[in-house]
PDB file of N, CA and C in Angstrom:
ATOM      1  N   MET A   1    -177.017 -42.490 -15.062  1.00  0.00           N
ATOM      2  CA  MET A   1    -178.476 -42.491 -15.143  1.00  0.00           C
ATOM      3  C   MET A   1    -178.967 -41.370 -16.041  1.00  0.00           C
ATOM      4  N   GLU A   2    -178.214 -40.276 -16.091  1.00  0.00           N
ATOM      5  CA  GLU A   2    -178.621 -39.157 -16.946  1.00  0.00           C
ATOM      6  C   GLU A   2    -178.714 -39.595 -18.407  1.00  0.00           C
ATOM      7  N   VAL A   3    -177.803 -40.445 -18.829  1.00  0.00           N
ATOM      8  CA  VAL A   3    -177.815 -40.928 -20.212  1.00  0.00           C
ATOM      9  C   VAL A   3    -179.022 -41.816 -20.449  1.00  0.00           C
ATOM     10  N   LEU A   4    -179.262 -42.765 -19.568  1.00  0.00           N
ATOM     11  CA  LEU A   4    -180.365 -43.708 -19.758  1.00  0.00           C
ATOM     12  C   LEU A   4    -181.729 -43.072 -19.575  1.00  0.00           C
ATOM     13  N   ALA A   5    -181.803 -41.987 -18.827  1.00  0.00           N
ATOM     14  CA  ALA A   5    -183.086 -41.345 -18.566  1.00  0.00           C
ATOM     15  C   ALA A   5    -183.613 -40.591 -19.779  1.00  0.00           C
ATOM     16  N   ARG A   6    -182.772 -40.330 -20.739  1.00  0.00           N
ATOM     17  CA  ARG A   6    -183.215 -39.571 -21.910  1.00  0.00           C
ATOM     18  C   ARG A   6    -184.028 -40.463 -22.847  1.00  0.00           C
ATOM     19  N   PRO A   7    -185.083 -39.919 -23.420  1.00  0.00           N
ATOM     20  CA  PRO A   7    -185.921 -40.722 -24.328  1.00  0.00           C
ATOM     21  C   PRO A   7    -185.118 -41.275 -25.497  1.00  0.00           C
ATOM     22  N   TRP A   8    -185.417 -42.500 -25.862  1.00  0.00           N
ATOM     23  CA  TRP A   8    -184.867 -43.209 -27.015  1.00  0.00           C
ATOM     24  C   TRP A   8    -183.461 -43.768 -26.810  1.00  0.00           C
ATOM     25  N   THR A   9    -182.755 -43.359 -25.779  1.00  0.00           N
ATOM     26  CA  THR A   9    -181.357 -43.769 -25.632  1.00  0.00           C
ATOM     27  C   THR A   9    -181.207 -45.287 -25.566  1.00  0.00           C
ATOM     28  N   GLY A  10    -181.942 -45.925 -24.681  1.00  0.00           N
ATOM     29  CA  GLY A  10    -181.838 -47.385 -24.550  1.00  0.00           C
ATOM     30  C   GLY A  10    -182.161 -48.101 -25.838  1.00  0.00           C
ATOM     31  N   MET A  11    -183.187 -47.650 -26.520  1.00  0.00           N
ATOM     32  CA  MET A  11    -183.585 -48.286 -27.770  1.00  0.00           C
ATOM     33  C   MET A  11    -182.522 -48.099 -28.850  1.00  0.00           C
ATOM     34  N   LEU A  12    -181.943 -46.907 -28.925  1.00  0.00           N
ATOM     35  CA  LEU A  12    -180.898 -46.654 -29.920  1.00  0.00           C
ATOM     36  C   LEU A  12    -179.685 -47.548 -29.674  1.00  0.00           C
ATOM     37  N   ILE A  13    -179.290 -47.657 -28.426  1.00  0.00           N
ATOM     38  CA  ILE A  13    -178.141 -48.503 -28.101  1.00  0.00           C
ATOM     39  C   ILE A  13    -178.456 -49.957 -28.444  1.00  0.00           C
ATOM     40  N   ALA A  14    -179.649 -50.401 -28.113  1.00  0.00           N
ATOM     41  CA  ALA A  14    -180.044 -51.784 -28.404  1.00  0.00           C
ATOM     42  C   ALA A  14    -180.039 -52.055 -29.905  1.00  0.00           C
ATOM     43  N   VAL A  15    -180.513 -51.106 -30.697  1.00  0.00           N
ATOM     44  CA  VAL A  15    -180.546 -51.276 -32.151  1.00  0.00           C
ATOM     45  C   VAL A  15    -179.130 -51.381 -32.717  1.00  0.00           C
ATOM     46  N   LEU A  16    -178.197 -50.647 -32.141  1.00  0.00           N
ATOM     47  CA  LEU A  16    -176.821 -50.656 -32.638  1.00  0.00           C
ATOM     48  C   LEU A  16    -176.001 -51.850 -32.134  1.00  0.00           C
ATOM     49  N   GLU A  17    -176.570 -52.667 -31.268  1.00  0.00           N
ATOM     50  CA  GLU A  17    -175.836 -53.824 -30.750  1.00  0.00           C
ATOM     51  C   GLU A  17    -175.492 -54.834 -31.838  1.00  0.00           C
ATOM     52  N   ASP A  18    -176.265 -54.876 -32.907  1.00  0.00           N
ATOM     53  CA  ASP A  18    -176.012 -55.845 -33.981  1.00  0.00           C
ATOM     54  C   ASP A  18    -174.939 -55.384 -34.958  1.00  0.00           C
ATOM     55  N   GLY A  19    -174.453 -54.171 -34.800  1.00  0.00           N
ATOM     56  CA  GLY A  19    -173.400 -53.691 -35.691  1.00  0.00           C
ATOM     57  C   GLY A  19    -173.711 -52.305 -36.229  1.00  0.00           C
ATOM     58  N   PRO A  20    -172.785 -51.759 -37.021  1.00  0.00           N
ATOM     59  CA  PRO A  20    -172.941 -50.396 -37.539  1.00  0.00           C
ATOM     60  C   PRO A  20    -174.187 -50.239 -38.414  1.00  0.00           C
ATOM     61  N   LEU A  21    -174.807 -49.082 -38.290  1.00  0.00           N
ATOM     62  CA  LEU A  21    -175.981 -48.756 -39.109  1.00  0.00           C
ATOM     63  C   LEU A  21    -175.880 -47.319 -39.582  1.00  0.00           C
ATOM     64  N   ARG A  22    -176.497 -47.050 -40.717  1.00  0.00           N
ATOM     65  CA  ARG A  22    -176.596 -45.691 -41.216  1.00  0.00           C
ATOM     66  C   ARG A  22    -177.830 -45.034 -40.605  1.00  0.00           C
ATOM     67  N   PHE A  23    -177.876 -43.718 -40.691  1.00  0.00           N
ATOM     68  CA  PHE A  23    -178.975 -42.934 -40.115  1.00  0.00           C
ATOM     69  C   PHE A  23    -180.330 -43.480 -40.570  1.00  0.00           C
ATOM     70  N   SER A  24    -180.478 -43.683 -41.874  1.00  0.00           N
ATOM     71  CA  SER A  24    -181.769 -44.144 -42.404  1.00  0.00           C
ATOM     72  C   SER A  24    -182.115 -45.544 -41.907  1.00  0.00           C
ATOM     73  N   GLU A  25    -181.111 -46.391 -41.733  1.00  0.00           N
ATOM     74  CA  GLU A  25    -181.365 -47.745 -41.237  1.00  0.00           C
ATOM     75  C   GLU A  25    -181.831 -47.716 -39.780  1.00  0.00           C
ATOM     76  N   ILE A  26    -181.248 -46.829 -39.005  1.00  0.00           N
ATOM     77  CA  ILE A  26    -181.695 -46.680 -37.609  1.00  0.00           C
ATOM     78  C   ILE A  26    -183.143 -46.190 -37.592  1.00  0.00           C
ATOM     79  N   GLY A  27    -183.437 -45.206 -38.430  1.00  0.00           N
ATOM     80  CA  GLY A  27    -184.799 -44.674 -38.520  1.00  0.00           C
ATOM     81  C   GLY A  27    -185.813 -45.724 -38.927  1.00  0.00           C
ATOM     82  N   GLU A  28    -185.414 -46.647 -39.805  1.00  0.00           N
ATOM     83  CA  GLU A  28    -186.316 -47.728 -40.228  1.00  0.00           C
ATOM     84  C   GLU A  28    -186.589 -48.705 -39.092  1.00  0.00           C
ATOM     85  N   ARG A  29    -185.597 -48.918 -38.241  1.00  0.00           N
ATOM     86  CA  ARG A  29    -185.756 -49.866 -37.130  1.00  0.00           C
ATOM     87  C   ARG A  29    -186.489 -49.263 -35.939  1.00  0.00           C
ATOM     88  N   ILE A  30    -186.513 -47.934 -35.883  1.00  0.00           N
ATOM     89  CA  ILE A  30    -187.268 -47.234 -34.837  1.00  0.00           C
ATOM     90  C   ILE A  30    -188.153 -46.204 -35.545  1.00  0.00           C
ATOM     91  N   PRO A  31    -189.212 -46.647 -36.200  1.00  0.00           N
ATOM     92  CA  PRO A  31    -190.004 -45.736 -37.029  1.00  0.00           C
ATOM     93  C   PRO A  31    -190.722 -44.626 -36.262  1.00  0.00           C
ATOM     94  N   SER A  32    -190.917 -44.781 -34.977  1.00  0.00           N
ATOM     95  CA  SER A  32    -191.658 -43.759 -34.232  1.00  0.00           C
ATOM     96  C   SER A  32    -190.788 -42.584 -33.789  1.00  0.00           C
ATOM     97  N   ILE A  33    -189.479 -42.649 -34.006  1.00  0.00           N
ATOM     98  CA  ILE A  33    -188.613 -41.526 -33.650  1.00  0.00           C
ATOM     99  C   ILE A  33    -188.481 -40.610 -34.866  1.00  0.00           C
ATOM    100  N   GLY A  34    -188.603 -39.326 -34.641  1.00  0.00           N
ATOM    101  CA  GLY A  34    -188.459 -38.352 -35.723  1.00  0.00           C
ATOM    102  C   GLY A  34    -186.992 -38.126 -36.070  1.00  0.00           C
ATOM    103  N   ASP A  35    -186.752 -37.623 -37.263  1.00  0.00           N
ATOM    104  CA  ASP A  35    -185.382 -37.381 -37.721  1.00  0.00           C
ATOM    105  C   ASP A  35    -184.633 -36.394 -36.829  1.00  0.00           C
ATOM    106  N   ARG A  36    -185.315 -35.331 -36.416  1.00  0.00           N
ATOM    107  CA  ARG A  36    -184.641 -34.341 -35.560  1.00  0.00           C
ATOM    108  C   ARG A  36    -184.256 -34.929 -34.215  1.00  0.00           C
ATOM    109  N   MET A  37    -185.142 -35.723 -33.623  1.00  0.00           N
ATOM    110  CA  MET A  37    -184.845 -36.357 -32.347  1.00  0.00           C
ATOM    111  C   MET A  37    -183.725 -37.380 -32.520  1.00  0.00           C
ATOM    112  N   LEU A  38    -183.788 -38.154 -33.593  1.00  0.00           N
ATOM    113  CA  LEU A  38    -182.747 -39.151 -33.847  1.00  0.00           C
ATOM    114  C   LEU A  38    -181.386 -38.477 -34.002  1.00  0.00           C
ATOM    115  N   ALA A  39    -181.332 -37.411 -34.777  1.00  0.00           N
ATOM    116  CA  ALA A  39    -180.064 -36.690 -34.971  1.00  0.00           C
ATOM    117  C   ALA A  39    -179.539 -36.132 -33.648  1.00  0.00           C
ATOM    118  N   ALA A  40    -180.417 -35.564 -32.859  1.00  0.00           N
ATOM    119  CA  ALA A  40    -180.006 -34.990 -31.575  1.00  0.00           C
ATOM    120  C   ALA A  40    -179.502 -36.061 -30.623  1.00  0.00           C
ATOM    121  N   ARG A  41    -180.209 -37.191 -30.568  1.00  0.00           N
ATOM    122  CA  ARG A  41    -179.816 -38.258 -29.654  1.00  0.00           C
ATOM    123  C   ARG A  41    -178.498 -38.889 -30.089  1.00  0.00           C
ATOM    124  N   LEU A  42    -178.310 -39.082 -31.407  1.00  0.00           N
ATOM    125  CA  LEU A  42    -177.050 -39.635 -31.896  1.00  0.00           C
ATOM    126  C   LEU A  42    -175.882 -38.706 -31.574  1.00  0.00           C
ATOM    127  N   LYS A  43    -176.106 -37.423 -31.756  1.00  0.00           N
ATOM    128  CA  LYS A  43    -175.057 -36.436 -31.460  1.00  0.00           C
ATOM    129  C   LYS A  43    -174.696 -36.475 -29.970  1.00  0.00           C
ATOM    130  N   ASP A  44    -175.696 -36.558 -29.120  1.00  0.00           N
ATOM    131  CA  ASP A  44    -175.466 -36.617 -27.674  1.00  0.00           C
ATOM    132  C   ASP A  44    -174.698 -37.881 -27.289  1.00  0.00           C
ATOM    133  N   LEU A  45    -175.104 -39.018 -27.844  1.00  0.00           N
ATOM    134  CA  LEU A  45    -174.435 -40.276 -27.525  1.00  0.00           C
ATOM    135  C   LEU A  45    -173.001 -40.296 -28.049  1.00  0.00           C
ATOM    136  N   GLU A  46    -172.781 -39.650 -29.185  1.00  0.00           N
ATOM    137  CA  GLU A  46    -171.418 -39.544 -29.710  1.00  0.00           C
ATOM    138  C   GLU A  46    -170.564 -38.673 -28.787  1.00  0.00           C
ATOM    139  N   CYS A  47    -171.116 -37.572 -28.349  1.00  0.00           N
ATOM    140  CA  CYS A  47    -170.411 -36.660 -27.445  1.00  0.00           C
ATOM    141  C   CYS A  47    -170.027 -37.358 -26.145  1.00  0.00           C
ATOM    142  N   ARG A  48    -170.867 -38.243 -25.666  1.00  0.00           N
ATOM    143  CA  ARG A  48    -170.628 -38.948 -24.402  1.00  0.00           C
ATOM    144  C   ARG A  48    -169.744 -40.187 -24.572  1.00  0.00           C
ATOM    145  N   GLY A  49    -169.356 -40.495 -25.814  1.00  0.00           N
ATOM    146  CA  GLY A  49    -168.482 -41.633 -26.061  1.00  0.00           C
ATOM    147  C   GLY A  49    -169.182 -42.972 -26.098  1.00  0.00           C
ATOM    148  N   VAL A  50    -170.511 -42.959 -26.240  1.00  0.00           N
ATOM    149  CA  VAL A  50    -171.285 -44.200 -26.277  1.00  0.00           C
ATOM    150  C   VAL A  50    -171.311 -44.788 -27.682  1.00  0.00           C
ATOM    151  N   ILE A  51    -171.358 -43.924 -28.685  1.00  0.00           N
ATOM    152  CA  ILE A  51    -171.320 -44.371 -30.077  1.00  0.00           C
ATOM    153  C   ILE A  51    -170.210 -43.622 -30.807  1.00  0.00           C
ATOM    154  N   ALA A  52    -169.798 -44.207 -31.926  1.00  0.00           N
ATOM    155  CA  ALA A  52    -168.807 -43.563 -32.788  1.00  0.00           C
ATOM    156  C   ALA A  52    -169.444 -43.343 -34.160  1.00  0.00           C
ATOM    157  N   ARG A  53    -169.158 -42.211 -34.726  1.00  0.00           N
ATOM    158  CA  ARG A  53    -169.673 -41.849 -36.055  1.00  0.00           C
ATOM    159  C   ARG A  53    -168.512 -41.965 -37.030  1.00  0.00           C
ATOM    160  N   SER A  54    -168.704 -42.722 -38.103  1.00  0.00           N
ATOM    161  CA  SER A  54    -167.642 -42.836 -39.105  1.00  0.00           C
ATOM    162  C   SER A  54    -168.175 -42.372 -40.455  1.00  0.00           C
ATOM    163  N   VAL A  55    -167.318 -41.687 -41.186  1.00  0.00           N
ATOM    164  CA  VAL A  55    -167.690 -41.129 -42.487  1.00  0.00           C
ATOM    165  C   VAL A  55    -166.823 -41.782 -43.558  1.00  0.00           C
ATOM    166  N   ASP A  56    -167.488 -42.402 -44.542  1.00  0.00           N
ATOM    167  CA  ASP A  56    -166.810 -42.954 -45.707  1.00  0.00           C
ATOM    168  C   ASP A  56    -166.968 -41.923 -46.817  1.00  0.00           C
ATOM    169  N   ALA A  57    -165.842 -41.369 -47.265  1.00  0.00           N
ATOM    170  CA  ALA A  57    -165.868 -40.239 -48.207  1.00  0.00           C
ATOM    171  C   ALA A  57    -166.564 -40.548 -49.520  1.00  0.00           C
ATOM    172  N   GLY A  58    -166.685 -41.797 -49.878  1.00  0.00           N
ATOM    173  CA  GLY A  58    -167.455 -42.161 -51.066  1.00  0.00           C
ATOM    174  C   GLY A  58    -166.783 -41.816 -52.368  1.00  0.00           C
ATOM    175  N   PRO A  59    -167.435 -41.444 -53.419  1.00  0.00           N
ATOM    176  CA  PRO A  59    -168.845 -41.099 -53.470  1.00  0.00           C
ATOM    177  C   PRO A  59    -169.734 -42.332 -53.500  1.00  0.00           C
ATOM    178  N   PRO A  60    -170.912 -42.249 -53.032  1.00  0.00           N
ATOM    179  CA  PRO A  60    -171.472 -41.174 -52.215  1.00  0.00           C
ATOM    180  C   PRO A  60    -170.926 -41.233 -50.785  1.00  0.00           C
ATOM    181  N   VAL A  61    -171.023 -40.123 -50.109  1.00  0.00           N
ATOM    182  CA  VAL A  61    -170.599 -40.053 -48.712  1.00  0.00           C
ATOM    183  C   VAL A  61    -171.550 -40.914 -47.885  1.00  0.00           C
ATOM    184  N   ARG A  62    -170.981 -41.761 -47.046  1.00  0.00           N
ATOM    185  CA  ARG A  62    -171.796 -42.625 -46.184  1.00  0.00           C
ATOM    186  C   ARG A  62    -171.371 -42.414 -44.740  1.00  0.00           C
ATOM    187  N   VAL A  63    -172.342 -42.176 -43.902  1.00  0.00           N
ATOM    188  CA  VAL A  63    -172.098 -41.992 -42.467  1.00  0.00           C
ATOM    189  C   VAL A  63    -172.735 -43.167 -41.744  1.00  0.00           C
ATOM    190  N   SER A  64    -171.988 -43.789 -40.862  1.00  0.00           N
ATOM    191  CA  SER A  64    -172.555 -44.886 -40.078  1.00  0.00           C
ATOM    192  C   SER A  64    -172.227 -44.679 -38.601  1.00  0.00           C
ATOM    193  N   TYR A  65    -173.008 -45.337 -37.780  1.00  0.00           N
ATOM    194  CA  TYR A  65    -172.882 -45.233 -36.328  1.00  0.00           C
ATOM    195  C   TYR A  65    -172.675 -46.629 -35.757  1.00  0.00           C
ATOM    196  N   THR A  66    -171.784 -46.730 -34.800  1.00  0.00           N
ATOM    197  CA  THR A  66    -171.503 -48.007 -34.150  1.00  0.00           C
ATOM    198  C   THR A  66    -171.267 -47.768 -32.663  1.00  0.00           C
ATOM    199  N   LEU A  67    -171.470 -48.801 -31.873  1.00  0.00           N
ATOM    200  CA  LEU A  67    -171.230 -48.691 -30.439  1.00  0.00           C
ATOM    201  C   LEU A  67    -169.735 -48.718 -30.149  1.00  0.00           C
ATOM    202  N   THR A  68    -169.325 -47.942 -29.183  1.00  0.00           N
ATOM    203  CA  THR A  68    -167.966 -47.995 -28.662  1.00  0.00           C
ATOM    204  C   THR A  68    -167.932 -49.075 -27.581  1.00  0.00           C
ATOM    205  N   ASP A  69    -166.781 -49.286 -26.974  1.00  0.00           N
ATOM    206  CA  ASP A  69    -166.697 -50.232 -25.851  1.00  0.00           C
ATOM    207  C   ASP A  69    -167.628 -49.792 -24.722  1.00  0.00           C
ATOM    208  N   VAL A  70    -167.693 -48.485 -24.505  1.00  0.00           N
ATOM    209  CA  VAL A  70    -168.599 -47.947 -23.476  1.00  0.00           C
ATOM    210  C   VAL A  70    -170.046 -48.285 -23.832  1.00  0.00           C
ATOM    211  N   GLY A  71    -170.423 -48.100 -25.073  1.00  0.00           N
ATOM    212  CA  GLY A  71    -171.781 -48.395 -25.518  1.00  0.00           C
ATOM    213  C   GLY A  71    -172.124 -49.869 -25.417  1.00  0.00           C
ATOM    214  N   ARG A  72    -171.154 -50.725 -25.716  1.00  0.00           N
ATOM    215  CA  ARG A  72    -171.408 -52.164 -25.606  1.00  0.00           C
ATOM    216  C   ARG A  72    -171.620 -52.593 -24.156  1.00  0.00           C
ATOM    217  N   GLY A  73    -171.162 -51.806 -23.206  1.00  0.00           N
ATOM    218  CA  GLY A  73    -171.384 -52.091 -21.794  1.00  0.00           C
ATOM    219  C   GLY A  73    -172.841 -51.988 -21.391  1.00  0.00           C
ATOM    220  N   TYR A  74    -173.660 -51.345 -22.219  1.00  0.00           N
ATOM    221  CA  TYR A  74    -175.090 -51.197 -21.922  1.00  0.00           C
ATOM    222  C   TYR A  74    -175.784 -52.554 -21.827  1.00  0.00           C
ATOM    223  N   LYS A  75    -175.309 -53.525 -22.574  1.00  0.00           N
ATOM    224  CA  LYS A  75    -175.957 -54.842 -22.572  1.00  0.00           C
ATOM    225  C   LYS A  75    -175.980 -55.433 -21.161  1.00  0.00           C
ATOM    226  N   ASP A  76    -174.881 -55.282 -20.425  1.00  0.00           N
ATOM    227  CA  ASP A  76    -174.830 -55.777 -19.045  1.00  0.00           C
ATOM    228  C   ASP A  76    -175.829 -55.026 -18.163  1.00  0.00           C
ATOM    229  N   VAL A  77    -175.935 -53.722 -18.377  1.00  0.00           N
ATOM    230  CA  VAL A  77    -176.874 -52.901 -17.605  1.00  0.00           C
ATOM    231  C   VAL A  77    -178.309 -53.326 -17.907  1.00  0.00           C
ATOM    232  N   ALA A  78    -178.623 -53.498 -19.181  1.00  0.00           N
ATOM    233  CA  ALA A  78    -179.979 -53.901 -19.577  1.00  0.00           C
ATOM    234  C   ALA A  78    -180.334 -55.268 -18.999  1.00  0.00           C
ATOM    235  N   ASN A  79    -179.384 -56.196 -19.027  1.00  0.00           N
ATOM    236  CA  ASN A  79    -179.633 -57.524 -18.457  1.00  0.00           C
ATOM    237  C   ASN A  79    -179.874 -57.442 -16.952  1.00  0.00           C
ATOM    238  N   ALA A  80    -179.093 -56.609 -16.266  1.00  0.00           N
ATOM    239  CA  ALA A  80    -179.279 -56.447 -14.820  1.00  0.00           C
ATOM    240  C   ALA A  80    -180.637 -55.829 -14.499  1.00  0.00           C
ATOM    241  N   LEU A  81    -181.049 -54.826 -15.275  1.00  0.00           N
ATOM    242  CA  LEU A  81    -182.365 -54.209 -15.060  1.00  0.00           C
ATOM    243  C   LEU A  81    -183.491 -55.200 -15.315  1.00  0.00           C
ATOM    244  N   SER A  82    -183.333 -56.014 -16.341  1.00  0.00           N
ATOM    245  CA  SER A  82    -184.343 -57.024 -16.643  1.00  0.00           C
ATOM    246  C   SER A  82    -184.457 -58.040 -15.505  1.00  0.00           C
ATOM    247  N   LYS A  83    -183.316 -58.479 -14.998  1.00  0.00           N
ATOM    248  CA  LYS A  83    -183.313 -59.429 -13.880  1.00  0.00           C
ATOM    249  C   LYS A  83    -183.975 -58.822 -12.650  1.00  0.00           C
ATOM    250  N   TRP A  84    -183.664 -57.568 -12.374  1.00  0.00           N
ATOM    251  CA  TRP A  84    -184.255 -56.884 -11.222  1.00  0.00           C
ATOM    252  C   TRP A  84    -185.766 -56.742 -11.399  1.00  0.00           C
ATOM    253  N   GLY A  85    -186.199 -56.385 -12.596  1.00  0.00           N
ATOM    254  CA  GLY A  85    -187.632 -56.266 -12.865  1.00  0.00           C
ATOM    255  C   GLY A  85    -188.365 -57.577 -12.647  1.00  0.00           C
ATOM    256  N   LYS A  86    -187.769 -58.685 -13.067  1.00  0.00           N
ATOM    257  CA  LYS A  86    -188.377 -59.999 -12.853  1.00  0.00           C
ATOM    258  C   LYS A  86    -188.473 -60.312 -11.364  1.00  0.00           C
ATOM    259  N   MET A  87    -187.432 -59.928 -10.619  1.00  0.00           N
ATOM    260  CA  MET A  87    -187.452 -60.156  -9.166  1.00  0.00           C
ATOM    261  C   MET A  87    -188.595 -59.380  -8.512  1.00  0.00           C
ATOM    262  N   ILE A  88    -188.819 -58.167  -8.954  1.00  0.00           N
ATOM    263  CA  ILE A  88    -189.910 -57.360  -8.412  1.00  0.00           C
ATOM    264  C   ILE A  88    -191.249 -58.032  -8.700  1.00  0.00           C
ATOM    265  N   LEU A  89    -191.424 -58.485  -9.946  1.00  0.00           N
ATOM    266  CA  LEU A  89    -192.686 -59.135 -10.309  1.00  0.00           C
ATOM    267  C   LEU A  89    -192.929 -60.417  -9.531  1.00  0.00           C
ATOM    268  N   GLU A  90    -191.865 -61.150  -9.245  1.00  0.00           N
ATOM    269  CA  GLU A  90    -191.992 -62.423  -8.538  1.00  0.00           C
ATOM    270  C   GLU A  90    -192.084 -62.263  -7.019  1.00  0.00           C
ATOM    271  N   SER A  91    -191.775 -61.079  -6.503  1.00  0.00           N
ATOM    272  CA  SER A  91    -191.673 -60.893  -5.059  1.00  0.00           C
ATOM    273  C   SER A  91    -193.009 -60.768  -4.324  1.00  0.00           C
ATOM    274  N   GLY A  92    -194.055 -60.481  -5.014  1.00  0.00           N
ATOM    275  CA  GLY A  92    -195.312 -60.321  -4.296  1.00  0.00           C
ATOM    276  C   GLY A  92    -196.500 -60.248  -5.219  1.00  0.00           C
ATOM    277  N   GLY A  93    -197.642 -60.143  -4.584  1.00  0.00           N
ATOM    278  CA  GLY A  93    -198.885 -60.054  -5.326  1.00  0.00           C
ATOM    279  C   GLY A  93    -199.103 -58.653  -5.862  1.00  0.00           C
ATOM    280  N   PRO A  94    -200.243 -58.458  -6.446  1.00  0.00           N
ATOM    281  CA  PRO A  94    -200.547 -57.142  -7.009  1.00  0.00           C
ATOM    282  C   PRO A  94    -200.707 -56.096  -5.911  1.00  0.00           C
ATOM    283  N   CYS A  95    -200.275 -54.912  -6.197  1.00  0.00           N
ATOM    284  CA  CYS A  95    -200.411 -53.794  -5.266  1.00  0.00           C
ATOM    285  C   CYS A  95    -201.732 -53.089  -5.539  1.00  0.00           C
ATOM    286  N   PRO A  96    -202.308 -52.469  -4.505  1.00  0.00           N
ATOM    287  CA  PRO A  96    -203.531 -51.701  -4.758  1.00  0.00           C
ATOM    288  C   PRO A  96    -203.215 -50.540  -5.689  1.00  0.00           C
ATOM    289  N   LYS A  97    -204.104 -50.338  -6.619  1.00  0.00           N
ATOM    290  CA  LYS A  97    -203.890 -49.256  -7.579  1.00  0.00           C
ATOM    291  C   LYS A  97    -204.408 -47.953  -7.015  1.00  0.00           C
ATOM    292  N   THR A  98    -203.693 -46.883  -7.314  1.00  0.00           N
ATOM    293  CA  THR A  98    -204.145 -45.545  -6.939  1.00  0.00           C
ATOM    294  C   THR A  98    -204.369 -44.779  -8.218  1.00  0.00           C
ATOM    295  N   SER A  99    -205.322 -43.910  -8.184  1.00  0.00           N
ATOM    296  CA  SER A  99    -205.563 -43.099  -9.369  1.00  0.00           C
ATOM    297  C   SER A  99    -204.481 -42.046  -9.466  1.00  0.00           C
ATOM    298  N   GLY A 100    -204.299 -41.499 -10.638  1.00  0.00           N
ATOM    299  CA  GLY A 100    -203.307 -40.451 -10.834  1.00  0.00           C
ATOM    300  C   GLY A 100    -203.557 -39.262  -9.930  1.00  0.00           C
ATOM    301  N   ALA A 101    -204.838 -38.931  -9.695  1.00  0.00           N
ATOM    302  CA  ALA A 101    -205.184 -37.786  -8.844  1.00  0.00           C
ATOM    303  C   ALA A 101    -204.793 -38.050  -7.392  1.00  0.00           C
ATOM    304  N   GLU A 102    -205.018 -39.304  -6.928  1.00  0.00           N
ATOM    305  CA  GLU A 102    -204.650 -39.632  -5.551  1.00  0.00           C
ATOM    306  C   GLU A 102    -203.142 -39.547  -5.362  1.00  0.00           C
ATOM    307  N   ALA A 103    -202.414 -40.122  -6.278  1.00  0.00           N
ATOM    308  CA  ALA A 103    -200.952 -40.103  -6.173  1.00  0.00           C
ATOM    309  C   ALA A 103    -200.427 -38.682  -6.276  1.00  0.00           C
ATOM    310  N   LYS A 104    -200.988 -37.903  -7.178  1.00  0.00           N
ATOM    311  CA  LYS A 104    -200.543 -36.528  -7.368  1.00  0.00           C
ATOM    312  C   LYS A 104    -200.897 -35.683  -6.146  1.00  0.00           C
ATOM    313  N   GLY A 105    -202.096 -35.856  -5.636  1.00  0.00           N
ATOM    314  CA  GLY A 105    -202.530 -35.089  -4.477  1.00  0.00           C
ATOM    315  C   GLY A 105    -201.702 -35.394  -3.253  1.00  0.00           C
ATOM    316  N   ALA A 106    -201.362 -36.660  -3.062  1.00  0.00           N
ATOM    317  CA  ALA A 106    -200.566 -37.036  -1.893  1.00  0.00           C
ATOM    318  C   ALA A 106    -199.185 -36.422  -1.961  1.00  0.00           C
ATOM    319  N   SER A 107    -198.585 -36.440  -3.136  1.00  0.00           N
ATOM    320  CA  SER A 107    -197.229 -35.909  -3.220  1.00  0.00           C
ATOM    321  C   SER A 107    -197.227 -34.388  -3.166  1.00  0.00           C
ATOM    322  N   SER A 108    -198.239 -33.748  -3.742  1.00  0.00           N
ATOM    323  CA  SER A 108    -198.244 -32.287  -3.717  1.00  0.00           C
ATOM    324  C   SER A 108    -198.583 -31.757  -2.326  1.00  0.00           C
ATOM    325  N   LYS A 109    -199.431 -32.476  -1.562  1.00  0.00           N
ATOM    326  CA  LYS A 109    -199.728 -32.052  -0.196  1.00  0.00           C
ATOM    327  C   LYS A 109    -198.499 -32.140   0.674  1.00  0.00           C
ATOM    328  N   ALA A 110    -197.750 -33.213   0.492  1.00  0.00           N
ATOM    329  CA  ALA A 110    -196.550 -33.390   1.307  1.00  0.00           C
ATOM    330  C   ALA A 110    -195.493 -32.352   0.978  1.00  0.00           C
ATOM    331  N   ALA A 111    -195.483 -31.879  -0.243  1.00  0.00           N
ATOM    332  CA  ALA A 111    -194.445 -30.953  -0.671  1.00  0.00           C
ATOM    333  C   ALA A 111    -194.754 -29.509  -0.271  1.00  0.00           C
ATOM    334  N   ARG A 112    -196.032 -29.177  -0.039  1.00  0.00           N
ATOM    335  CA  ARG A 112    -196.408 -27.799   0.292  1.00  0.00           C
ATOM    336  C   ARG A 112    -196.268 -27.513   1.758  1.00  0.00           C
ATOM    337  N   PRO A 113    -195.699 -26.365   2.092  1.00  0.00           N
ATOM    338  CA  PRO A 113    -195.663 -25.982   3.511  1.00  0.00           C
ATOM    339  C   PRO A 113    -197.058 -25.533   3.945  1.00  0.00           C
ATOM    340  N   ARG A 114    -197.357 -25.695   5.214  1.00  0.00           N
ATOM    341  CA  ARG A 114    -198.666 -25.269   5.740  1.00  0.00           C
ATOM    342  C   ARG A 114    -198.694 -23.764   5.884  1.00  0.00           C
ATOM    343  N   ARG A 115    -199.843 -23.214   5.595  1.00  0.00           N
ATOM    344  CA  ARG A 115    -200.036 -21.773   5.770  1.00  0.00           C
ATOM    345  C   ARG A 115    -200.945 -21.576   6.957  1.00  0.00           C
ATOM    346  N   ASP A 116    -200.589 -20.691   7.844  1.00  0.00           N
ATOM    347  CA  ASP A 116    -201.417 -20.379   9.003  1.00  0.00           C
ATOM    348  C   ASP A 116    -202.097 -19.037   8.783  1.00  0.00           C
ATOM    349  N   ASP A 117    -203.154 -19.045   7.965  1.00  0.00           N
ATOM    350  CA  ASP A 117    -203.901 -17.813   7.666  1.00  0.00           C
ATOM    351  C   ASP A 117    -205.024 -17.608   8.645  1.00  0.00           C
TER     352      ASP A 117
END
């Protein structure tokens, strides 16, 4: 869950499902991610064994990223999450909405110990 909880991770893995891509190609497919964030996330996913980085000495030097077997396993996880989400939507009617202040106040009150001043 630590891997999936990080911003952009799911989207990066999904983009790489179609095959190897270069840094600029990934950036074009996810235009809202900045270069620094993309580089950091790719490095993290490589470290965790989710993607592999390959360097073609060239000239010019070309670096591409591809999913490993571990990374390709994400597709099953994404499908399971999608199925679960559909089950939640189909299981009942709309829930009453609470404002952000109500939800925040309820959780912060429960978390604070009582003071007897």
